[in-house]
Amino acid sequence: MVKLLVILVLVVAAAAVYYFGFYKKGKINDRDGDYIPDEIEDTIEDVKAHAKEVKRRAKNVKAEIKDVVKEVKDVKDAVKGKKRRGRKPKAKK
């Protein structure tokens, strides 16, 4: 019981230091008043934007890998002596 009380007092003390020591004195900026520092909110937005870019690139890489697999199959067939399946050659004029 004493350990629980000590932990509770430490948590309350830490919250008080955060609120009165940093937030009220303006050392932690908070434009929208939600008690979440602006630096953290800005970092989260940057991470979301970066994740969106990574997802876009991963999708493009996946499509390119599918194309490469098709090309490898064509090369394998060419080595075996099969006819070319790719784009038809242009007609000579």
PDB file of N, CA and C in Angstrom:
ATOM      1  N   MET A   1       0.823  -1.188   0.000  1.00  0.00           N
ATOM      2  CA  MET A   1       0.000   0.000   0.000  1.00  0.00           C
ATOM      3  C   MET A   1       0.867   1.251   0.000  1.00  0.00           C
ATOM      4  N   VAL A   2       1.966   1.187   0.742  1.00  0.00           N
ATOM      5  CA  VAL A   2       2.861   2.340   0.813  1.00  0.00           C
ATOM      6  C   VAL A   2       3.514   2.587  -0.543  1.00  0.00           C
ATOM      7  N   LYS A   3       3.875   1.499  -1.241  1.00  0.00           N
ATOM      8  CA  LYS A   3       4.494   1.640  -2.561  1.00  0.00           C
ATOM      9  C   LYS A   3       3.532   2.307  -3.538  1.00  0.00           C
ATOM     10  N   LEU A   4       2.270   1.912  -3.493  1.00  0.00           N
ATOM     11  CA  LEU A   4       1.264   2.499  -4.363  1.00  0.00           C
ATOM     12  C   LEU A   4       1.093   3.983  -4.074  1.00  0.00           C
ATOM     13  N   LEU A   5       1.108   4.339  -2.811  1.00  0.00           N
ATOM     14  CA  LEU A   5       0.967   5.743  -2.409  1.00  0.00           C
ATOM     15  C   LEU A   5       2.170   6.557  -2.891  1.00  0.00           C
ATOM     16  N   VAL A   6       3.356   6.007  -2.765  1.00  0.00           N
ATOM     17  CA  VAL A   6       4.568   6.712  -3.210  1.00  0.00           C
ATOM     18  C   VAL A   6       4.529   6.914  -4.730  1.00  0.00           C
ATOM     19  N   ILE A   7       4.124   5.887  -5.456  1.00  0.00           N
ATOM     20  CA  ILE A   7       4.036   6.003  -6.913  1.00  0.00           C
ATOM     21  C   ILE A   7       3.004   7.041  -7.305  1.00  0.00           C
ATOM     22  N   LEU A   8       1.870   7.052  -6.629  1.00  0.00           N
ATOM     23  CA  LEU A   8       0.816   8.029  -6.907  1.00  0.00           C
ATOM     24  C   LEU A   8       1.305   9.450  -6.641  1.00  0.00           C
ATOM     25  N   VAL A   9       2.022   9.646  -5.549  1.00  0.00           N
ATOM     26  CA  VAL A   9       2.563  10.975  -5.226  1.00  0.00           C
ATOM     27  C   VAL A   9       3.568  11.412  -6.285  1.00  0.00           C
ATOM     28  N   LEU A  10       4.415  10.488  -6.745  1.00  0.00           N
ATOM     29  CA  LEU A  10       5.402  10.825  -7.773  1.00  0.00           C
ATOM     30  C   LEU A  10       4.724  11.197  -9.091  1.00  0.00           C
ATOM     31  N   VAL A  11       3.672  10.492  -9.468  1.00  0.00           N
ATOM     32  CA  VAL A  11       2.957  10.806 -10.705  1.00  0.00           C
ATOM     33  C   VAL A  11       2.297  12.171 -10.608  1.00  0.00           C
ATOM     34  N   VAL A  12       1.673  12.460  -9.478  1.00  0.00           N
ATOM     35  CA  VAL A  12       1.031  13.762  -9.285  1.00  0.00           C
ATOM     36  C   VAL A  12       2.083  14.873  -9.287  1.00  0.00           C
ATOM     37  N   ALA A  13       3.227  14.634  -8.671  1.00  0.00           N
ATOM     38  CA  ALA A  13       4.296  15.634  -8.653  1.00  0.00           C
ATOM     39  C   ALA A  13       4.826  15.888 -10.063  1.00  0.00           C
ATOM     40  N   ALA A  14       4.988  14.823 -10.838  1.00  0.00           N
ATOM     41  CA  ALA A  14       5.465  14.993 -12.207  1.00  0.00           C
ATOM     42  C   ALA A  14       4.454  15.771 -13.047  1.00  0.00           C
ATOM     43  N   ALA A  15       3.177  15.487 -12.867  1.00  0.00           N
ATOM     44  CA  ALA A  15       2.144  16.217 -13.595  1.00  0.00           C
ATOM     45  C   ALA A  15       2.135  17.686 -13.187  1.00  0.00           C
ATOM     46  N   ALA A  16       2.323  17.963 -11.907  1.00  0.00           N
ATOM     47  CA  ALA A  16       2.347  19.346 -11.436  1.00  0.00           C
ATOM     48  C   ALA A  16       3.553  20.088 -12.009  1.00  0.00           C
ATOM     49  N   VAL A  17       4.705  19.449 -12.033  1.00  0.00           N
ATOM     50  CA  VAL A  17       5.903  20.078 -12.602  1.00  0.00           C
ATOM     51  C   VAL A  17       5.681  20.367 -14.078  1.00  0.00           C
ATOM     52  N   TYR A  18       5.097  19.424 -14.798  1.00  0.00           N
ATOM     53  CA  TYR A  18       4.814  19.637 -16.215  1.00  0.00           C
ATOM     54  C   TYR A  18       3.872  20.809 -16.410  1.00  0.00           C
ATOM     55  N   TYR A  19       2.773  20.810 -15.672  1.00  0.00           N
ATOM     56  CA  TYR A  19       1.741  21.820 -15.883  1.00  0.00           C
ATOM     57  C   TYR A  19       2.199  23.200 -15.422  1.00  0.00           C
ATOM     58  N   PHE A  20       2.643  23.313 -14.181  1.00  0.00           N
ATOM     59  CA  PHE A  20       2.996  24.628 -13.644  1.00  0.00           C
ATOM     60  C   PHE A  20       4.401  25.057 -14.033  1.00  0.00           C
ATOM     61  N   GLY A  21       5.317  24.108 -14.101  1.00  0.00           N
ATOM     62  CA  GLY A  21       6.708  24.445 -14.374  1.00  0.00           C
ATOM     63  C   GLY A  21       6.991  24.744 -15.838  1.00  0.00           C
ATOM     64  N   PHE A  22       6.342  24.036 -16.720  1.00  0.00           N
ATOM     65  CA  PHE A  22       6.644  24.211 -18.135  1.00  0.00           C
ATOM     66  C   PHE A  22       5.502  24.847 -18.923  1.00  0.00           C
ATOM     67  N   TYR A  23       4.308  24.334 -18.743  1.00  0.00           N
ATOM     68  CA  TYR A  23       3.175  24.782 -19.553  1.00  0.00           C
ATOM     69  C   TYR A  23       2.746  26.199 -19.208  1.00  0.00           C
ATOM     70  N   LYS A  24       2.523  26.479 -17.943  1.00  0.00           N
ATOM     71  CA  LYS A  24       2.041  27.807 -17.541  1.00  0.00           C
ATOM     72  C   LYS A  24       3.092  28.891 -17.759  1.00  0.00           C
ATOM     73  N   LYS A  25       4.357  28.555 -17.639  1.00  0.00           N
ATOM     74  CA  LYS A  25       5.409  29.543 -17.824  1.00  0.00           C
ATOM     75  C   LYS A  25       5.746  29.766 -19.299  1.00  0.00           C
ATOM     76  N   GLY A  26       5.145  28.997 -20.188  1.00  0.00           N
ATOM     77  CA  GLY A  26       5.359  29.197 -21.616  1.00  0.00           C
ATOM     78  C   GLY A  26       6.578  28.509 -22.184  1.00  0.00           C
ATOM     79  N   LYS A  27       7.187  27.616 -21.418  1.00  0.00           N
ATOM     80  CA  LYS A  27       8.351  26.897 -21.941  1.00  0.00           C
ATOM     81  C   LYS A  27       7.939  25.821 -22.935  1.00  0.00           C
ATOM     82  N   ILE A  28       6.701  25.384 -22.837  1.00  0.00           N
ATOM     83  CA  ILE A  28       6.145  24.436 -23.797  1.00  0.00           C
ATOM     84  C   ILE A  28       5.050  25.163 -24.551  1.00  0.00           C
ATOM     85  N   ASN A  29       5.218  25.291 -25.859  1.00  0.00           N
ATOM     86  CA  ASN A  29       4.223  25.991 -26.674  1.00  0.00           C
ATOM     87  C   ASN A  29       3.037  25.086 -26.957  1.00  0.00           C
ATOM     88  N   ASP A  30       1.833  25.673 -26.903  1.00  0.00           N
ATOM     89  CA  ASP A  30       0.607  24.925 -27.168  1.00  0.00           C
ATOM     90  C   ASP A  30      -0.390  25.880 -27.793  1.00  0.00           C
ATOM     91  N   ARG A  31      -0.419  25.902 -29.126  1.00  0.00           N
ATOM     92  CA  ARG A  31      -1.282  26.843 -29.840  1.00  0.00           C
ATOM     93  C   ARG A  31      -2.763  26.568 -29.648  1.00  0.00           C
ATOM     94  N   ASP A  32      -3.147  25.291 -29.635  1.00  0.00           N
ATOM     95  CA  ASP A  32      -4.566  24.972 -29.605  1.00  0.00           C
ATOM     96  C   ASP A  32      -5.106  24.626 -28.223  1.00  0.00           C
ATOM     97  N   GLY A  33      -4.292  24.655 -27.195  1.00  0.00           N
ATOM     98  CA  GLY A  33      -4.752  24.479 -25.823  1.00  0.00           C
ATOM     99  C   GLY A  33      -5.204  23.077 -25.471  1.00  0.00           C
ATOM    100  N   ASP A  34      -4.637  22.056 -26.101  1.00  0.00           N
ATOM    101  CA  ASP A  34      -5.043  20.686 -25.789  1.00  0.00           C
ATOM    102  C   ASP A  34      -4.037  19.970 -24.886  1.00  0.00           C
ATOM    103  N   TYR A  35      -3.109  20.714 -24.307  1.00  0.00           N
ATOM    104  CA  TYR A  35      -2.079  20.209 -23.392  1.00  0.00           C
ATOM    105  C   TYR A  35      -1.124  19.211 -24.054  1.00  0.00           C
ATOM    106  N   ILE A  36      -1.063  19.231 -25.363  1.00  0.00           N
ATOM    107  CA  ILE A  36      -0.071  18.451 -26.097  1.00  0.00           C
ATOM    108  C   ILE A  36       0.885  19.459 -26.730  1.00  0.00           C
ATOM    109  N   PRO A  37       2.177  19.367 -26.429  1.00  0.00           N
ATOM    110  CA  PRO A  37       3.123  20.346 -26.971  1.00  0.00           C
ATOM    111  C   PRO A  37       3.098  20.389 -28.495  1.00  0.00           C
ATOM    112  N   ASP A  38       3.288  21.583 -29.031  1.00  0.00           N
ATOM    113  CA  ASP A  38       3.250  21.782 -30.480  1.00  0.00           C
ATOM    114  C   ASP A  38       4.345  20.994 -31.195  1.00  0.00           C
ATOM    115  N   GLU A  39       5.494  20.831 -30.543  1.00  0.00           N
ATOM    116  CA  GLU A  39       6.582  20.094 -31.177  1.00  0.00           C
ATOM    117  C   GLU A  39       6.162  18.651 -31.464  1.00  0.00           C
ATOM    118  N   ILE A  40       5.426  18.068 -30.528  1.00  0.00           N
ATOM    119  CA  ILE A  40       4.969  16.689 -30.715  1.00  0.00           C
ATOM    120  C   ILE A  40       3.926  16.634 -31.828  1.00  0.00           C
ATOM    121  N   GLU A  41       2.993  17.562 -31.837  1.00  0.00           N
ATOM    122  CA  GLU A  41       1.960  17.592 -32.866  1.00  0.00           C
ATOM    123  C   GLU A  41       2.569  17.783 -34.254  1.00  0.00           C
ATOM    124  N   ASP A  42       3.556  18.684 -34.355  1.00  0.00           N
ATOM    125  CA  ASP A  42       4.214  18.919 -35.642  1.00  0.00           C
ATOM    126  C   ASP A  42       4.976  17.674 -36.114  1.00  0.00           C
ATOM    127  N   THR A  43       5.630  16.994 -35.170  1.00  0.00           N
ATOM    128  CA  THR A  43       6.366  15.783 -35.514  1.00  0.00           C
ATOM    129  C   THR A  43       5.424  14.700 -36.010  1.00  0.00           C
ATOM    130  N   ILE A  44       4.268  14.579 -35.372  1.00  0.00           N
ATOM    131  CA  ILE A  44       3.289  13.577 -35.796  1.00  0.00           C
ATOM    132  C   ILE A  44       2.802  13.869 -37.207  1.00  0.00           C
ATOM    133  N   GLU A  45       2.552  15.126 -37.519  1.00  0.00           N
ATOM    134  CA  GLU A  45       2.121  15.497 -38.874  1.00  0.00           C
ATOM    135  C   GLU A  45       3.207  15.171 -39.904  1.00  0.00           C
ATOM    136  N   ASP A  46       4.474  15.433 -39.539  1.00  0.00           N
ATOM    137  CA  ASP A  46       5.576  15.115 -40.447  1.00  0.00           C
ATOM    138  C   ASP A  46       5.678  13.609 -40.694  1.00  0.00           C
ATOM    139  N   VAL A  47       5.494  12.828 -39.629  1.00  0.00           N
ATOM    140  CA  VAL A  47       5.565  11.372 -39.757  1.00  0.00           C
ATOM    141  C   VAL A  47       4.429  10.865 -40.642  1.00  0.00           C
ATOM    142  N   LYS A  48       3.227  11.432 -40.489  1.00  0.00           N
ATOM    143  CA  LYS A  48       2.093  11.022 -41.316  1.00  0.00           C
ATOM    144  C   LYS A  48       2.362  11.316 -42.794  1.00  0.00           C
ATOM    145  N   ALA A  49       2.919  12.490 -43.073  1.00  0.00           N
ATOM    146  CA  ALA A  49       3.226  12.845 -44.459  1.00  0.00           C
ATOM    147  C   ALA A  49       4.299  11.912 -45.028  1.00  0.00           C
ATOM    148  N   HIS A  50       5.298  11.613 -44.218  1.00  0.00           N
ATOM    149  CA  HIS A  50       6.371  10.726 -44.658  1.00  0.00           C
ATOM    150  C   HIS A  50       5.829   9.314 -44.902  1.00  0.00           C
ATOM    151  N   ALA A  51       4.943   8.853 -44.035  1.00  0.00           N
ATOM    152  CA  ALA A  51       4.358   7.519 -44.201  1.00  0.00           C
ATOM    153  C   ALA A  51       3.543   7.445 -45.488  1.00  0.00           C
ATOM    154  N   LYS A  52       2.836   8.519 -45.814  1.00  0.00           N
ATOM    155  CA  LYS A  52       2.051   8.550 -47.042  1.00  0.00           C
ATOM    156  C   LYS A  52       2.970   8.432 -48.265  1.00  0.00           C
ATOM    157  N   GLU A  53       4.092   9.128 -48.228  1.00  0.00           N
ATOM    158  CA  GLU A  53       5.061   9.070 -49.327  1.00  0.00           C
ATOM    159  C   GLU A  53       5.662   7.672 -49.440  1.00  0.00           C
ATOM    160  N   VAL A  54       5.975   7.056 -48.306  1.00  0.00           N
ATOM    161  CA  VAL A  54       6.552   5.711 -48.322  1.00  0.00           C
ATOM    162  C   VAL A  54       5.551   4.713 -48.900  1.00  0.00           C
ATOM    163  N   LYS A  55       4.281   4.843 -48.543  1.00  0.00           N
ATOM    164  CA  LYS A  55       3.258   3.952 -49.088  1.00  0.00           C
ATOM    165  C   LYS A  55       3.137   4.111 -50.596  1.00  0.00           C
ATOM    166  N   ARG A  56       3.210   5.361 -51.076  1.00  0.00           N
ATOM    167  CA  ARG A  56       3.126   5.606 -52.514  1.00  0.00           C
ATOM    168  C   ARG A  56       4.309   4.961 -53.236  1.00  0.00           C
ATOM    169  N   ARG A  57       5.490   5.135 -52.679  1.00  0.00           N
ATOM    170  CA  ARG A  57       6.682   4.556 -53.305  1.00  0.00           C
ATOM    171  C   ARG A  57       6.633   3.035 -53.279  1.00  0.00           C
ATOM    172  N   ALA A  58       6.163   2.463 -52.170  1.00  0.00           N
ATOM    173  CA  ALA A  58       6.076   1.004 -52.068  1.00  0.00           C
ATOM    174  C   ALA A  58       5.115   0.452 -53.107  1.00  0.00           C
ATOM    175  N   LYS A  59       4.029   1.160 -53.338  1.00  0.00           N
ATOM    176  CA  LYS A  59       3.060   0.726 -54.352  1.00  0.00           C
ATOM    177  C   LYS A  59       3.705   0.739 -55.740  1.00  0.00           C
ATOM    178  N   ASN A  60       4.475   1.785 -56.031  1.00  0.00           N
ATOM    179  CA  ASN A  60       5.159   1.867 -57.325  1.00  0.00           C
ATOM    180  C   ASN A  60       6.211   0.775 -57.481  1.00  0.00           C
ATOM    181  N   VAL A  61       6.940   0.491 -56.412  1.00  0.00           N
ATOM    182  CA  VAL A  61       7.958  -0.558 -56.455  1.00  0.00           C
ATOM    183  C   VAL A  61       7.304  -1.910 -56.693  1.00  0.00           C
ATOM    184  N   LYS A  62       6.172  -2.144 -56.046  1.00  0.00           N
ATOM    185  CA  LYS A  62       5.454  -3.407 -56.230  1.00  0.00           C
ATOM    186  C   LYS A  62       5.045  -3.591 -57.690  1.00  0.00           C
ATOM    187  N   ALA A  63       4.547  -2.519 -58.313  1.00  0.00           N
ATOM    188  CA  ALA A  63       4.158  -2.595 -59.719  1.00  0.00           C
ATOM    189  C   ALA A  63       5.371  -2.868 -60.597  1.00  0.00           C
ATOM    190  N   GLU A  64       6.493  -2.244 -60.312  1.00  0.00           N
ATOM    191  CA  GLU A  64       7.708  -2.461 -61.107  1.00  0.00           C
ATOM    192  C   GLU A  64       8.225  -3.883 -60.940  1.00  0.00           C
ATOM    193  N   ILE A  65       8.113  -4.424 -59.746  1.00  0.00           N
ATOM    194  CA  ILE A  65       8.567  -5.804 -59.522  1.00  0.00           C
ATOM    195  C   ILE A  65       7.732  -6.769 -60.347  1.00  0.00           C
ATOM    196  N   LYS A  66       6.428  -6.516 -60.429  1.00  0.00           N
ATOM    197  CA  LYS A  66       5.575  -7.371 -61.262  1.00  0.00           C
ATOM    198  C   LYS A  66       6.031  -7.318 -62.717  1.00  0.00           C
ATOM    199  N   ASP A  67       6.378  -6.118 -63.187  1.00  0.00           N
ATOM    200  CA  ASP A  67       6.861  -5.980 -64.568  1.00  0.00           C
ATOM    201  C   ASP A  67       8.178  -6.738 -64.766  1.00  0.00           C
ATOM    202  N   VAL A  68       9.056  -6.665 -63.793  1.00  0.00           N
ATOM    203  CA  VAL A  68      10.348  -7.342 -63.898  1.00  0.00           C
ATOM    204  C   VAL A  68      10.142  -8.855 -63.938  1.00  0.00           C
ATOM    205  N   VAL A  69       9.221  -9.360 -63.135  1.00  0.00           N
ATOM    206  CA  VAL A  69       8.949 -10.800 -63.138  1.00  0.00           C
ATOM    207  C   VAL A  69       8.478 -11.245 -64.519  1.00  0.00           C
ATOM    208  N   LYS A  70       7.619 -10.444 -65.141  1.00  0.00           N
ATOM    209  CA  LYS A  70       7.151 -10.785 -66.494  1.00  0.00           C
ATOM    210  C   LYS A  70       8.316 -10.795 -67.476  1.00  0.00           C
ATOM    211  N   GLU A  71       9.207  -9.821 -67.355  1.00  0.00           N
ATOM    212  CA  GLU A  71      10.364  -9.749 -68.257  1.00  0.00           C
ATOM    213  C   GLU A  71      11.289 -10.945 -68.055  1.00  0.00           C
ATOM    214  N   VAL A  72      11.470 -11.357 -66.826  1.00  0.00           N
ATOM    215  CA  VAL A  72      12.333 -12.510 -66.555  1.00  0.00           C
ATOM    216  C   VAL A  72      11.754 -13.760 -67.195  1.00  0.00           C
ATOM    217  N   LYS A  73      10.437 -13.900 -67.145  1.00  0.00           N
ATOM    218  CA  LYS A  73       9.805 -15.047 -67.789  1.00  0.00           C
ATOM    219  C   LYS A  73      10.046 -15.018 -69.295  1.00  0.00           C
ATOM    220  N   ASP A  74       9.971 -13.816 -69.888  1.00  0.00           N
ATOM    221  CA  ASP A  74      10.229 -13.689 -71.323  1.00  0.00           C
ATOM    222  C   ASP A  74      11.661 -14.080 -71.660  1.00  0.00           C
ATOM    223  N   VAL A  75      12.609 -13.665 -70.842  1.00  0.00           N
ATOM    224  CA  VAL A  75      14.018 -14.000 -71.079  1.00  0.00           C
ATOM    225  C   VAL A  75      14.216 -15.503 -70.954  1.00  0.00           C
ATOM    226  N   LYS A  76      13.588 -16.103 -69.963  1.00  0.00           N
ATOM    227  CA  LYS A  76      13.696 -17.547 -69.767  1.00  0.00           C
ATOM    228  C   LYS A  76      13.147 -18.297 -70.991  1.00  0.00           C
ATOM    229  N   ASP A  77      12.020 -17.828 -71.509  1.00  0.00           N
ATOM    230  CA  ASP A  77      11.441 -18.454 -72.697  1.00  0.00           C
ATOM    231  C   ASP A  77      12.341 -18.262 -73.920  1.00  0.00           C
ATOM    232  N   ALA A  78      12.969 -17.105 -74.034  1.00  0.00           N
ATOM    233  CA  ALA A  78      13.869 -16.852 -75.158  1.00  0.00           C
ATOM    234  C   ALA A  78      15.068 -17.786 -75.106  1.00  0.00           C
ATOM    235  N   VAL A  79      15.568 -18.034 -73.904  1.00  0.00           N
ATOM    236  CA  VAL A  79      16.699 -18.946 -73.769  1.00  0.00           C
ATOM    237  C   VAL A  79      16.300 -20.350 -74.196  1.00  0.00           C
ATOM    238  N   LYS A  80      15.075 -20.736 -73.934  1.00  0.00           N
ATOM    239  CA  LYS A  80      14.582 -22.059 -74.327  1.00  0.00           C
ATOM    240  C   LYS A  80      14.293 -22.141 -75.820  1.00  0.00           C
ATOM    241  N   GLY A  81      14.271 -20.994 -76.509  1.00  0.00           N
ATOM    242  CA  GLY A  81      14.053 -20.982 -77.942  1.00  0.00           C
ATOM    243  C   GLY A  81      12.620 -20.725 -78.342  1.00  0.00           C
ATOM    244  N   LYS A  82      11.791 -20.299 -77.437  1.00  0.00           N
ATOM    245  CA  LYS A  82      10.396 -20.019 -77.770  1.00  0.00           C
ATOM    246  C   LYS A  82      10.295 -18.665 -78.463  1.00  0.00           C
ATOM    247  N   LYS A  83       9.173 -18.453 -79.135  1.00  0.00           N
ATOM    248  CA  LYS A  83       8.967 -17.191 -79.845  1.00  0.00           C
ATOM    249  C   LYS A  83       8.788 -16.040 -78.865  1.00  0.00           C
ATOM    250  N   ARG A  84       9.074 -14.861 -79.370  1.00  0.00           N
ATOM    251  CA  ARG A  84       8.960 -13.636 -78.573  1.00  0.00           C
ATOM    252  C   ARG A  84       7.485 -13.325 -78.337  1.00  0.00           C
ATOM    253  N   ARG A  85       7.124 -13.016 -77.078  1.00  0.00           N
ATOM    254  CA  ARG A  85       5.741 -12.717 -76.748  1.00  0.00           C
ATOM    255  C   ARG A  85       5.485 -11.214 -76.569  1.00  0.00           C
ATOM    256  N   GLY A  86       6.499 -10.435 -76.543  1.00  0.00           N
ATOM    257  CA  GLY A  86       6.390  -9.010 -76.243  1.00  0.00           C
ATOM    258  C   GLY A  86       5.697  -8.224 -77.330  1.00  0.00           C
ATOM    259  N   ARG A  87       6.029  -6.966 -77.426  1.00  0.00           N
ATOM    260  CA  ARG A  87       5.442  -6.063 -78.407  1.00  0.00           C
ATOM    261  C   ARG A  87       5.785  -6.515 -79.815  1.00  0.00           C
ATOM    262  N   LYS A  88       4.829  -6.405 -80.681  1.00  0.00           N
ATOM    263  CA  LYS A  88       5.038  -6.804 -82.064  1.00  0.00           C
ATOM    264  C   LYS A  88       6.023  -5.828 -82.706  1.00  0.00           C
ATOM    265  N   PRO A  89       6.924  -6.335 -83.557  1.00  0.00           N
ATOM    266  CA  PRO A  89       7.857  -5.434 -84.232  1.00  0.00           C
ATOM    267  C   PRO A  89       7.109  -4.538 -85.233  1.00  0.00           C
ATOM    268  N   LYS A  90       7.624  -3.345 -85.417  1.00  0.00           N
ATOM    269  CA  LYS A  90       6.997  -2.411 -86.352  1.00  0.00           C
ATOM    270  C   LYS A  90       7.160  -2.916 -87.780  1.00  0.00           C
ATOM    271  N   ALA A  91       6.122  -2.699 -88.578  1.00  0.00           N
ATOM    272  CA  ALA A  91       6.158  -3.120 -89.983  1.00  0.00           C
ATOM    273  C   ALA A  91       7.106  -2.227 -90.757  1.00  0.00           C
ATOM    274  N   LYS A  92       7.896  -2.829 -91.634  1.00  0.00           N
ATOM    275  CA  LYS A  92       8.828  -2.046 -92.459  1.00  0.00           C
ATOM    276  C   LYS A  92       8.051  -1.437 -93.608  1.00  0.00           C
ATOM    277  N   LYS A  93       8.407  -0.215 -93.975  1.00  0.00           N
ATOM    278  CA  LYS A  93       7.735   0.500 -95.071  1.00  0.00           C
ATOM    279  C   LYS A  93       8.456   0.315 -96.358  1.00  0.00           C
TER     280      LYS A  93
END
